[in-house]
Amino acid sequence: MNTFSQVLSDDQGVSDFHTISHGLYIDGQWRQSADGRVIPVIDPSTEAIIAAVPDATLEDAAAAIDAAAKAAHGWRTTSPRKRSEILRRCFELMTERSEALATLIALENGKALRDARGEIAYAAEFFRWNAEEAVRITGEFGTAPSGTNRIVVDYEPIGICVLITPWNFPAAMATRKIAPALAAGCTVILKPASETPLTAYALAALYQDAGVPPGVVNVLTTSSPGPVTAAMLADPRVRKLSFTGSTGVGRALLAEAARHVVSCSMELGGNAPFIVFDDADLQAALDGAMVAKMRNAGEACTAANRLYVQSGIYEAFSEGLEKRMSSLKVGAGTDPDTECGPMITKRAVEKIDRLVIDAITRGARVMCGGFVRSGRGFFYPPTVLRDVPGDAKMAQEEIFGPVAPISSFETEAEVIERANDTEYGLAAYIYTRDLARGMRVASRIEAGMIALNRGLMSDPAAPFGGVKQSGLGREGGQHHGIAEFMEPKYLAVSM
């Protein structure tokens, strides 16, 4: 089994990656887990073990909280300008090391290298954006209606934050939380997914090089996320939980946080409708569908999960999407020519296959793909299904894979009703040349984010988040992201 440094230098030809992780990152130091156990890291393209990282215990989690608590006062009293400069340096270092970081993501996550490069660019932007916003955190001043006193409202760091991130965007989901937390003056403990820990540790080394003080950012990996997270939330010094992941796990975490009255931000599951009206630009809609469906091979909470196409354009759209999907090259994420990499685990492939078989059983027609590929690696081919009925399980569950289920519709009212027929409400896509229709339909779709004539909506400058069972709170935006990590303090001043 290789060490982390061997994976980077020997297997991928990345000879200069600056500081290398050698264990849990706590209080600015690399350390092994308290009991010495490790978690193997699997290359989903080959199923080979490529590295091992420490398996944190409750003792390690306590040490991380101690480190965050020790660093808290110094960081919250650091001037906004200084915090801004450190965040800006994080952006610059991520940009400088982008190719090495992208290669690392492609290796441990399996996503196509081109997608990994896009993720690093996106992830770095959270540092640049929050560096700019860190110096613009202001309070409020006013007069009480009675005229007897002034109302002064200040915004303070909420305190120690536990950040839990998923495997599908191991860099971006971390920086989307860490950057605003640091801008607000908070210290953090990051628990990345055990499937993709190497990126988190590589970024920890980057933060260290950028001048983030010891204890301000701590990173630990564990194969026992439930007990470790519960122990951290039970510590009265922890005041914030920010989680990105499934709705089921989010519900369990909300219940645990409620026991200790810990503030929560939740970015949970999605079931995004992709709506194409007859008057849409067909080529633009196909371009957008490929982005919305196939970004990270469909392993994204914002992925187009249900494609509704009006009957007049249905045949042309279905044929066009089949042609594009069937031509994608499937292969290892680190292969520069790959357009669709493997899924993250064998279990993920099995879930996708189960959903496809269910849809076919209920009457869906396979236009391309639709089968599990033989051989090593967790691969599933790009698949297009047409005439997918509304009672198919994939109409209510996240597919999280390269499967595009298409259904036709007749009227605007019909497609709005079908689009909203889900417990989720994260993202939606609408294609029409009629701007009035686009705005009207967008206002009636139950989702936190709408892309109108676009296949991509994520932007550090915009608030990211959903409604219904898709979460609580927002990440990013002019003030929304930082506000999640701050508490208002009201001061009544006699006149």
Protein backbone atom coordinates (compact mmCIF):
# COMPACT_ATOMS: atom_id res chain seq x y z
CA MET A 1 0.00 0.00 0.00
CA ASN A 2 1.35 3.40 -0.95
CA THR A 3 1.62 6.36 1.33
CA PHE A 4 -0.02 9.60 0.29
CA SER A 5 3.26 11.05 -0.99
CA GLN A 6 4.01 7.95 -3.07
CA VAL A 7 0.62 8.16 -4.74
CA LEU A 8 1.35 11.71 -5.82
CA SER A 9 4.94 11.34 -6.93
CA ASP A 10 5.23 7.77 -8.18
CA ASP A 11 1.80 6.97 -9.59
CA GLN A 12 0.87 10.33 -11.10
CA GLY A 13 4.14 12.06 -11.87
CA VAL A 14 3.40 14.94 -9.52
CA SER A 15 6.86 15.49 -8.14
CA ASP A 16 6.34 18.82 -6.40
CA PHE A 17 3.25 18.97 -4.21
CA HIS A 18 4.79 21.06 -1.44
CA THR A 19 3.77 19.91 2.05
CA ILE A 20 2.39 16.36 2.21
CA SER A 21 -0.13 14.94 4.67
CA HIS A 22 1.14 12.31 7.07
CA GLY A 23 -1.93 11.97 9.28
CA LEU A 24 -4.80 13.81 10.91
CA TYR A 25 -4.36 17.57 10.78
CA ILE A 26 -4.93 18.91 14.31
CA ASP A 27 -3.56 22.14 15.79
CA GLY A 28 -1.29 22.65 12.79
CA GLN A 29 0.36 19.24 13.23
CA TRP A 30 0.14 15.93 11.39
CA ARG A 31 -0.63 13.02 13.69
CA GLN A 32 -1.77 9.41 13.56
CA SER A 33 -5.06 8.33 15.11
CA ALA A 34 -5.07 7.55 18.81
CA ASP A 35 -5.34 3.80 18.19
CA GLY A 36 -3.20 3.71 15.05
CA ARG A 37 -5.94 2.43 12.77
CA VAL A 38 -6.24 3.53 9.15
CA ILE A 39 -8.86 3.78 6.40
CA PRO A 40 -7.95 2.44 2.94
CA VAL A 41 -8.54 4.75 -0.02
CA ILE A 42 -9.81 3.04 -3.19
CA ASP A 43 -9.27 4.11 -6.80
CA PRO A 44 -12.79 3.61 -8.25
CA SER A 45 -11.31 3.16 -11.73
CA THR A 46 -9.32 0.06 -10.77
CA GLU A 47 -10.65 -0.95 -7.32
CA ALA A 48 -7.04 -0.86 -6.11
CA ILE A 49 -6.04 0.48 -2.68
CA ILE A 50 -3.97 3.57 -3.41
CA ALA A 51 -3.40 5.00 0.06
CA ALA A 52 -4.46 4.91 3.70
CA VAL A 53 -5.42 7.71 6.07
CA PRO A 54 -5.81 7.73 9.87
CA ASP A 55 -9.12 6.54 11.32
CA ALA A 56 -9.94 9.15 13.96
CA THR A 57 -11.30 8.15 17.35
CA LEU A 58 -13.35 10.04 19.95
CA GLU A 59 -10.05 11.03 21.55
CA ASP A 60 -8.87 12.55 18.28
CA ALA A 61 -12.14 14.44 17.87
CA ALA A 62 -11.75 15.88 21.36
CA ALA A 63 -8.21 16.96 20.50
CA ALA A 64 -9.49 18.74 17.39
CA ILE A 65 -12.07 20.64 19.43
CA ASP A 66 -9.42 21.57 22.00
CA ALA A 67 -7.24 22.93 19.18
CA ALA A 68 -10.12 24.90 17.66
CA ALA A 69 -11.02 26.31 21.09
CA LYS A 70 -7.43 27.33 21.80
CA ALA A 71 -7.20 29.16 18.46
CA ALA A 72 -10.68 30.73 18.62
CA HIS A 73 -9.92 33.99 20.45
CA GLY A 74 -6.85 34.80 18.40
CA TRP A 75 -8.63 34.19 15.10
CA ARG A 76 -11.83 36.07 15.92
CA THR A 77 -9.78 39.10 17.01
CA THR A 78 -7.56 38.95 13.92
CA SER A 79 -8.38 41.99 11.80
CA PRO A 80 -10.76 41.44 8.87
CA ARG A 81 -8.02 42.67 6.54
CA LYS A 82 -5.57 40.07 7.80
CA ARG A 83 -8.15 37.28 7.50
CA SER A 84 -8.90 38.54 4.00
CA GLU A 85 -5.24 38.40 2.99
CA ILE A 86 -4.88 34.82 4.22
CA LEU A 87 -7.98 33.75 2.33
CA ARG A 88 -6.66 35.47 -0.79
CA ARG A 89 -3.40 33.54 -0.39
CA CYS A 90 -5.39 30.30 -0.21
CA PHE A 91 -6.96 31.21 -3.55
CA GLU A 92 -3.58 31.94 -5.09
CA LEU A 93 -2.06 28.67 -3.88
CA MET A 94 -5.01 26.64 -5.12
CA THR A 95 -4.63 28.25 -8.51
CA GLU A 96 -0.90 27.56 -8.56
CA ARG A 97 -1.41 23.91 -7.56
CA SER A 98 -4.54 23.34 -9.60
CA GLU A 99 -3.19 20.59 -11.85
CA ALA A 100 -1.81 18.51 -8.98
CA LEU A 101 -5.03 18.91 -7.01
CA ALA A 102 -7.16 18.03 -10.04
CA THR A 103 -5.09 14.90 -10.64
CA LEU A 104 -5.54 13.91 -7.01
CA ILE A 105 -9.32 14.33 -7.26
CA ALA A 106 -9.45 12.32 -10.50
CA LEU A 107 -7.47 9.56 -8.79
CA GLU A 108 -9.43 9.15 -5.56
CA ASN A 109 -12.88 10.26 -6.78
CA GLY A 110 -12.73 8.91 -10.34
CA LYS A 111 -14.21 11.98 -11.99
CA ALA A 112 -12.92 12.93 -15.41
CA LEU A 113 -9.83 15.12 -15.25
CA ARG A 114 -11.61 17.93 -17.09
CA ASP A 115 -14.33 17.91 -14.42
CA ALA A 116 -11.70 17.82 -11.68
CA ARG A 117 -10.00 20.87 -13.15
CA GLY A 118 -13.32 22.67 -13.21
CA GLU A 119 -13.92 21.75 -9.58
CA ILE A 120 -10.57 23.16 -8.46
CA ALA A 121 -11.24 26.44 -10.26
CA TYR A 122 -14.70 26.61 -8.66
CA ALA A 123 -13.38 25.64 -5.21
CA ALA A 124 -10.66 28.29 -5.33
CA GLU A 125 -13.23 30.99 -6.11
CA PHE A 126 -14.79 30.55 -2.67
CA PHE A 127 -11.54 31.78 -1.15
CA ARG A 128 -11.32 34.77 -3.48
CA TRP A 129 -14.99 35.70 -2.97
CA ASN A 130 -14.88 35.40 0.81
CA ALA A 131 -11.56 37.23 0.97
CA GLU A 132 -13.38 40.16 -0.62
CA GLU A 133 -16.42 39.81 1.66
CA ALA A 134 -14.43 39.40 4.90
CA VAL A 135 -13.77 43.15 5.05
CA ARG A 136 -17.43 44.05 4.38
CA ILE A 137 -19.09 42.54 7.44
CA THR A 138 -21.01 45.44 8.94
CA GLY A 139 -23.50 45.96 11.76
CA GLU A 140 -26.67 48.04 12.09
CA PHE A 141 -27.53 51.28 13.87
CA GLY A 142 -30.94 52.82 14.41
CA THR A 143 -33.33 54.52 16.80
CA ALA A 144 -35.98 52.63 18.78
CA PRO A 145 -39.55 53.59 17.75
CA SER A 146 -40.10 54.95 21.26
CA GLY A 147 -37.19 57.31 20.81
CA THR A 148 -35.73 56.33 24.18
CA ASN A 149 -32.65 54.50 22.97
CA ARG A 150 -30.42 53.60 20.08
CA ILE A 151 -30.43 50.10 18.59
CA VAL A 152 -26.97 48.78 17.82
CA VAL A 153 -26.60 45.36 16.18
CA ASP A 154 -23.18 43.76 15.87
CA TYR A 155 -22.36 40.47 14.13
CA GLU A 156 -20.00 38.07 15.88
CA PRO A 157 -18.46 34.70 14.93
CA ILE A 158 -20.83 31.93 15.96
CA GLY A 159 -18.01 29.83 17.44
CA ILE A 160 -16.44 26.46 16.70
CA CYS A 161 -17.92 24.84 13.60
CA VAL A 162 -18.10 21.18 12.61
CA LEU A 163 -18.12 20.87 8.83
CA ILE A 164 -19.09 17.58 7.16
CA THR A 165 -18.53 17.23 3.41
CA PRO A 166 -19.37 14.55 0.80
CA TRP A 167 -17.19 12.64 -1.63
CA ASN A 168 -18.57 13.98 -4.93
CA PHE A 169 -16.88 17.40 -4.78
CA PRO A 170 -14.09 16.87 -2.23
CA ALA A 171 -12.47 20.28 -2.81
CA ALA A 172 -15.42 22.55 -3.55
CA MET A 173 -17.67 21.32 -0.75
CA ALA A 174 -14.85 21.93 1.72
CA THR A 175 -13.90 25.42 0.55
CA ARG A 176 -17.57 26.44 0.26
CA LYS A 177 -17.81 25.94 4.05
CA ILE A 178 -14.29 26.74 5.26
CA ALA A 179 -13.88 30.04 3.41
CA PRO A 180 -16.98 31.83 4.84
CA ALA A 181 -16.39 30.34 8.30
CA LEU A 182 -12.86 31.75 8.36
CA ALA A 183 -14.02 35.06 6.92
CA ALA A 184 -16.54 35.30 9.78
CA GLY A 185 -13.81 34.63 12.37
CA CYS A 186 -14.71 31.03 13.27
CA THR A 187 -12.43 28.05 13.82
CA VAL A 188 -13.43 24.73 12.28
CA ILE A 189 -13.14 20.96 12.31
CA LEU A 190 -13.61 19.44 8.85
CA LYS A 191 -14.72 15.82 8.52
CA PRO A 192 -14.43 14.87 4.84
CA ALA A 193 -15.92 11.71 3.35
CA SER A 194 -13.73 8.67 3.95
CA GLU A 195 -13.98 7.77 0.23
CA THR A 196 -12.11 10.94 -0.80
CA PRO A 197 -9.91 12.12 2.09
CA LEU A 198 -6.70 12.83 0.21
CA THR A 199 -7.95 16.08 -1.30
CA ALA A 200 -8.97 17.38 2.13
CA TYR A 201 -5.52 16.68 3.55
CA ALA A 202 -3.79 18.21 0.53
CA LEU A 203 -5.84 21.35 1.09
CA ALA A 204 -4.95 21.33 4.79
CA ALA A 205 -1.31 21.53 3.78
CA LEU A 206 -2.23 24.42 1.49
CA TYR A 207 -3.95 26.31 4.30
CA GLN A 208 -0.84 25.87 6.41
CA ASP A 209 1.32 27.30 3.62
CA ALA A 210 -1.11 30.20 3.19
CA GLY A 211 -0.63 31.27 6.81
CA VAL A 212 -3.80 29.92 8.45
CA PRO A 213 -2.78 29.73 12.14
CA PRO A 214 -2.61 26.35 13.92
CA GLY A 215 -5.97 25.16 15.23
CA VAL A 216 -8.05 27.42 13.00
CA VAL A 217 -8.66 24.57 10.53
CA ASN A 218 -8.49 20.96 11.72
CA VAL A 219 -9.15 17.92 9.51
CA LEU A 220 -9.98 14.40 10.62
CA THR A 221 -11.18 11.28 8.84
CA THR A 222 -13.10 8.48 10.50
CA SER A 223 -14.87 5.26 9.66
CA SER A 224 -17.25 5.91 12.59
CA PRO A 225 -18.86 9.20 11.54
CA GLY A 226 -21.95 8.76 13.70
CA PRO A 227 -20.27 8.39 17.12
CA VAL A 228 -17.50 10.88 16.31
CA THR A 229 -19.93 13.55 15.09
CA ALA A 230 -22.27 12.97 18.04
CA ALA A 231 -19.37 13.43 20.46
CA MET A 232 -18.36 16.69 18.81
CA LEU A 233 -21.91 18.05 18.83
CA ALA A 234 -22.22 17.16 22.51
CA ASP A 235 -19.26 19.40 23.36
CA PRO A 236 -20.71 22.77 24.48
CA ARG A 237 -17.90 24.62 22.72
CA VAL A 238 -19.24 23.51 19.31
CA ARG A 239 -21.90 25.96 18.15
CA LYS A 240 -22.36 25.21 14.46
CA LEU A 241 -22.90 22.18 12.20
CA SER A 242 -22.71 22.56 8.45
CA PHE A 243 -23.48 19.39 6.49
CA THR A 244 -23.69 18.47 2.83
CA GLY A 245 -25.02 15.01 2.04
CA SER A 246 -28.13 12.87 1.84
CA THR A 247 -31.46 13.91 3.30
CA GLY A 248 -31.59 10.76 5.42
CA VAL A 249 -28.28 11.48 7.14
CA GLY A 250 -29.22 15.16 7.40
CA ARG A 251 -32.36 14.30 9.34
CA ALA A 252 -30.35 12.19 11.79
CA LEU A 253 -27.81 14.99 12.28
CA LEU A 254 -30.55 17.56 12.83
CA ALA A 255 -32.01 15.36 15.57
CA GLU A 256 -28.60 15.02 17.22
CA ALA A 257 -27.89 18.75 16.96
CA ALA A 258 -31.30 19.56 18.43
CA ARG A 259 -30.35 17.72 21.63
CA HIS A 260 -27.62 20.31 22.20
CA VAL A 261 -29.25 23.33 20.48
CA VAL A 262 -26.51 23.58 17.86
CA SER A 263 -27.15 25.85 14.88
CA CYS A 264 -27.39 23.89 11.62
CA SER A 265 -26.94 24.49 7.91
CA MET A 266 -28.02 21.59 5.72
CA GLU A 267 -27.45 21.11 1.99
CA LEU A 268 -29.28 17.86 1.29
CA GLY A 269 -30.61 15.78 -1.60
CA GLY A 270 -32.08 16.91 -4.89
CA ASN A 271 -34.40 15.67 -7.64
CA ALA A 272 -33.97 18.40 -10.23
CA PRO A 273 -36.45 18.68 -13.10
CA PHE A 274 -35.06 19.74 -16.49
CA ILE A 275 -37.93 21.29 -18.45
CA VAL A 276 -37.73 21.90 -22.21
CA PHE A 277 -40.59 23.72 -23.93
CA ASP A 278 -41.37 23.42 -27.63
CA ASP A 279 -40.05 26.92 -28.34
CA ALA A 280 -36.64 26.24 -26.78
CA ASP A 281 -33.43 26.47 -28.76
CA LEU A 282 -32.88 22.72 -29.32
CA GLN A 283 -29.09 22.81 -29.50
CA ALA A 284 -28.83 25.07 -26.46
CA ALA A 285 -31.16 22.75 -24.55
CA LEU A 286 -29.05 19.72 -25.50
CA ASP A 287 -25.86 21.56 -24.52
CA GLY A 288 -27.43 22.45 -21.18
CA ALA A 289 -28.72 18.92 -20.60
CA MET A 290 -25.24 17.48 -21.06
CA VAL A 291 -23.86 19.88 -18.47
CA ALA A 292 -26.73 19.53 -16.02
CA LYS A 293 -26.82 15.73 -16.33
CA MET A 294 -23.20 14.76 -16.88
CA ARG A 295 -21.22 17.12 -14.64
CA ASN A 296 -19.22 14.71 -12.49
CA ALA A 297 -20.89 11.82 -14.39
CA GLY A 298 -24.23 12.71 -12.81
CA GLU A 299 -22.93 12.39 -9.25
CA ALA A 300 -24.19 15.81 -8.15
CA CYS A 301 -27.12 16.95 -6.03
CA THR A 302 -27.99 19.54 -8.69
CA ALA A 303 -27.90 17.00 -11.53
CA ALA A 304 -30.88 16.91 -13.89
CA ASN A 305 -32.74 13.92 -12.48
CA ARG A 306 -36.00 14.14 -14.45
CA LEU A 307 -36.05 15.46 -18.03
CA TYR A 308 -39.48 16.73 -19.09
CA VAL A 309 -39.69 17.64 -22.80
CA GLN A 310 -42.78 19.09 -24.48
CA SER A 311 -44.29 16.81 -27.11
CA GLY A 312 -43.50 19.02 -30.12
CA ILE A 313 -39.74 18.79 -29.55
CA TYR A 314 -39.67 15.44 -27.75
CA GLU A 315 -38.43 13.24 -30.62
CA ALA A 316 -35.70 15.62 -31.74
CA PHE A 317 -34.46 16.19 -28.20
CA SER A 318 -34.45 12.45 -27.36
CA GLU A 319 -32.52 11.55 -30.48
CA GLY A 320 -30.07 14.41 -29.99
CA LEU A 321 -29.38 13.47 -26.37
CA GLU A 322 -28.92 9.80 -27.26
CA LYS A 323 -26.37 10.73 -29.92
CA ARG A 324 -24.37 12.87 -27.51
CA MET A 325 -24.52 10.48 -24.55
CA SER A 326 -23.59 7.40 -26.56
CA SER A 327 -20.48 9.13 -27.94
CA LEU A 328 -18.96 9.90 -24.53
CA LYS A 329 -15.70 8.12 -23.73
CA VAL A 330 -15.86 6.12 -20.52
CA GLY A 331 -12.60 5.50 -18.66
CA ALA A 332 -10.35 6.22 -15.71
CA GLY A 333 -10.65 9.72 -14.35
CA THR A 334 -6.92 10.35 -14.73
CA ASP A 335 -7.05 9.63 -18.49
CA PRO A 336 -7.10 13.07 -20.19
CA ASP A 337 -9.48 11.73 -22.87
CA THR A 338 -12.08 10.42 -20.42
CA GLU A 339 -15.47 12.16 -20.51
CA CYS A 340 -17.31 9.90 -18.04
CA GLY A 341 -15.41 8.33 -15.17
CA PRO A 342 -16.46 5.58 -12.76
CA MET A 343 -18.98 5.84 -9.96
CA ILE A 344 -17.61 6.17 -6.45
CA THR A 345 -18.38 2.63 -5.19
CA LYS A 346 -19.80 -0.71 -6.28
CA ARG A 347 -22.88 0.02 -4.19
CA ALA A 348 -23.48 3.19 -6.21
CA VAL A 349 -23.42 1.16 -9.43
CA GLU A 350 -25.84 -1.35 -7.96
CA LYS A 351 -28.28 1.42 -7.02
CA ILE A 352 -28.17 2.92 -10.51
CA ASP A 353 -28.73 -0.50 -12.07
CA ARG A 354 -31.68 -1.14 -9.75
CA LEU A 355 -33.33 2.14 -10.75
CA VAL A 356 -32.78 1.51 -14.48
CA ILE A 357 -34.22 -2.01 -14.29
CA ASP A 358 -37.23 -0.70 -12.39
CA ALA A 359 -37.90 1.97 -15.04
CA ILE A 360 -37.58 -0.56 -17.88
CA THR A 361 -39.93 -2.93 -16.08
CA ARG A 362 -42.49 -0.10 -15.90
CA GLY A 363 -42.29 0.63 -19.63
CA ALA A 364 -39.26 2.90 -20.23
CA ARG A 365 -37.30 2.34 -23.45
CA VAL A 366 -33.50 2.18 -23.54
CA MET A 367 -31.95 4.40 -26.19
CA CYS A 368 -28.33 3.80 -25.13
CA GLY A 369 -26.50 2.22 -22.22
CA GLY A 370 -28.67 0.59 -19.59
CA PHE A 371 -26.37 -2.20 -18.42
CA VAL A 372 -23.53 -2.77 -15.95
CA ARG A 373 -20.17 -2.92 -17.65
CA SER A 374 -17.98 -5.94 -16.91
CA GLY A 375 -14.39 -5.74 -15.69
CA ARG A 376 -12.57 -3.82 -12.98
CA GLY A 377 -13.76 -0.45 -11.79
CA PHE A 378 -17.12 0.93 -10.73
CA PHE A 379 -18.34 1.92 -14.18
CA TYR A 380 -21.83 2.52 -15.52
CA PRO A 381 -22.28 3.66 -19.14
CA PRO A 382 -24.00 6.92 -20.11
CA THR A 383 -27.64 5.93 -20.46
CA VAL A 384 -30.72 7.53 -22.01
CA LEU A 385 -34.20 6.22 -21.21
CA ARG A 386 -37.29 7.59 -22.93
CA ASP A 387 -40.96 7.36 -22.02
CA VAL A 388 -40.09 6.99 -18.34
CA PRO A 389 -43.38 6.75 -16.39
CA GLY A 390 -44.09 8.90 -13.36
CA ASP A 391 -44.28 5.90 -11.06
CA ALA A 392 -40.71 4.81 -11.81
CA LYS A 393 -38.55 4.90 -8.70
CA MET A 394 -36.01 7.16 -10.39
CA ALA A 395 -38.69 9.84 -10.59
CA GLN A 396 -38.58 10.12 -6.79
CA GLU A 397 -35.01 9.04 -5.93
CA GLU A 398 -31.71 10.68 -6.80
CA ILE A 399 -30.07 8.60 -9.52
CA PHE A 400 -26.60 10.01 -8.82
CA GLY A 401 -25.20 8.59 -12.03
CA PRO A 402 -25.03 9.03 -15.82
CA VAL A 403 -28.67 8.16 -16.54
CA ALA A 404 -31.00 10.60 -18.32
CA PRO A 405 -34.70 9.66 -17.98
CA ILE A 406 -36.90 11.53 -20.47
CA SER A 407 -40.67 11.98 -20.33
CA SER A 408 -42.98 14.08 -22.50
CA PHE A 409 -45.53 16.67 -21.39
CA GLU A 410 -48.22 18.75 -23.07
CA THR A 411 -49.01 21.84 -21.02
CA GLU A 412 -47.28 24.30 -18.73
CA ALA A 413 -49.60 23.51 -15.84
CA GLU A 414 -48.95 19.79 -16.23
CA VAL A 415 -45.16 20.07 -16.13
CA ILE A 416 -45.21 22.40 -13.13
CA GLU A 417 -47.32 19.89 -11.20
CA ARG A 418 -44.99 17.03 -12.15
CA ALA A 419 -41.86 19.03 -11.39
CA ASN A 420 -43.14 19.82 -7.88
CA ASP A 421 -44.26 16.25 -7.18
CA THR A 422 -41.25 15.43 -4.99
CA GLU A 423 -40.15 15.98 -1.42
CA TYR A 424 -37.01 17.68 -2.70
CA GLY A 425 -36.57 21.28 -3.80
CA LEU A 426 -32.93 22.03 -4.52
CA ALA A 427 -32.54 22.88 -8.22
CA ALA A 428 -34.49 23.08 -11.49
CA TYR A 429 -33.74 23.90 -15.13
CA ILE A 430 -36.04 25.58 -17.67
CA TYR A 431 -35.49 26.05 -21.41
CA THR A 432 -37.72 28.39 -23.42
CA ARG A 433 -37.26 31.36 -25.75
CA ASP A 434 -40.24 33.06 -24.06
CA LEU A 435 -38.72 35.01 -21.16
CA ALA A 436 -42.12 35.76 -19.66
CA ARG A 437 -42.95 32.06 -19.61
CA GLY A 438 -39.55 31.22 -18.14
CA MET A 439 -39.98 33.71 -15.30
CA ARG A 440 -43.57 32.61 -14.70
CA VAL A 441 -42.71 28.93 -14.50
CA ALA A 442 -39.63 29.62 -12.35
CA SER A 443 -41.81 31.44 -9.82
CA ARG A 444 -44.03 28.37 -9.47
CA ILE A 445 -41.30 25.73 -9.27
CA GLU A 446 -40.58 24.69 -5.67
CA ALA A 447 -36.79 24.91 -5.68
CA GLY A 448 -34.15 27.06 -4.07
CA MET A 449 -32.28 27.55 -7.35
CA ILE A 450 -33.46 27.84 -10.96
CA ALA A 451 -31.33 27.89 -14.11
CA LEU A 452 -33.14 29.56 -17.01
CA ASN A 453 -31.64 28.61 -20.38
CA ARG A 454 -28.49 27.49 -18.58
CA GLY A 455 -27.16 24.06 -17.64
CA LEU A 456 -25.07 25.35 -14.73
CA MET A 457 -26.20 27.46 -11.77
CA SER A 458 -23.51 27.18 -9.07
CA ASP A 459 -21.60 30.38 -8.40
CA PRO A 460 -19.74 31.53 -5.24
CA ALA A 461 -21.44 34.91 -5.61
CA ALA A 462 -24.94 33.39 -5.45
CA PRO A 463 -26.77 31.75 -2.52
CA PHE A 464 -26.71 27.94 -2.90
CA GLY A 465 -29.40 25.89 -1.14
CA GLY A 466 -32.82 24.33 -1.33
CA VAL A 467 -36.32 24.20 0.11
CA LYS A 468 -38.54 21.38 1.41
CA GLN A 469 -36.41 18.30 2.21
CA SER A 470 -33.39 19.68 0.34
CA GLY A 471 -32.03 21.59 3.28
CA LEU A 472 -31.77 24.61 5.52
CA GLY A 473 -29.72 27.75 5.04
CA ARG A 474 -27.57 28.95 2.15
CA GLU A 475 -23.92 28.82 1.12
CA GLY A 476 -22.26 31.53 -0.95
CA GLY A 477 -23.81 34.80 -2.05
CA GLN A 478 -23.15 38.41 -1.18
CA HIS A 479 -23.76 37.90 2.53
CA HIS A 480 -25.75 34.67 2.89
CA GLY A 481 -22.78 32.31 3.24
CA ILE A 482 -20.93 34.33 5.89
CA ALA A 483 -24.18 35.05 7.76
CA GLU A 484 -24.56 31.31 8.43
CA PHE A 485 -21.43 31.51 10.60
CA MET A 486 -22.33 34.64 12.56
CA GLU A 487 -24.70 35.62 15.37
CA PRO A 488 -26.30 39.08 15.72
CA LYS A 489 -25.78 40.77 19.08
CA TYR A 490 -28.20 43.54 20.03
CA LEU A 491 -27.07 46.43 22.24
CA ALA A 492 -29.62 48.94 23.63
CA VAL A 493 -27.95 52.32 24.24
CA SER A 494 -29.64 55.14 26.16
CA MET A 495 -29.82 58.43 24.33
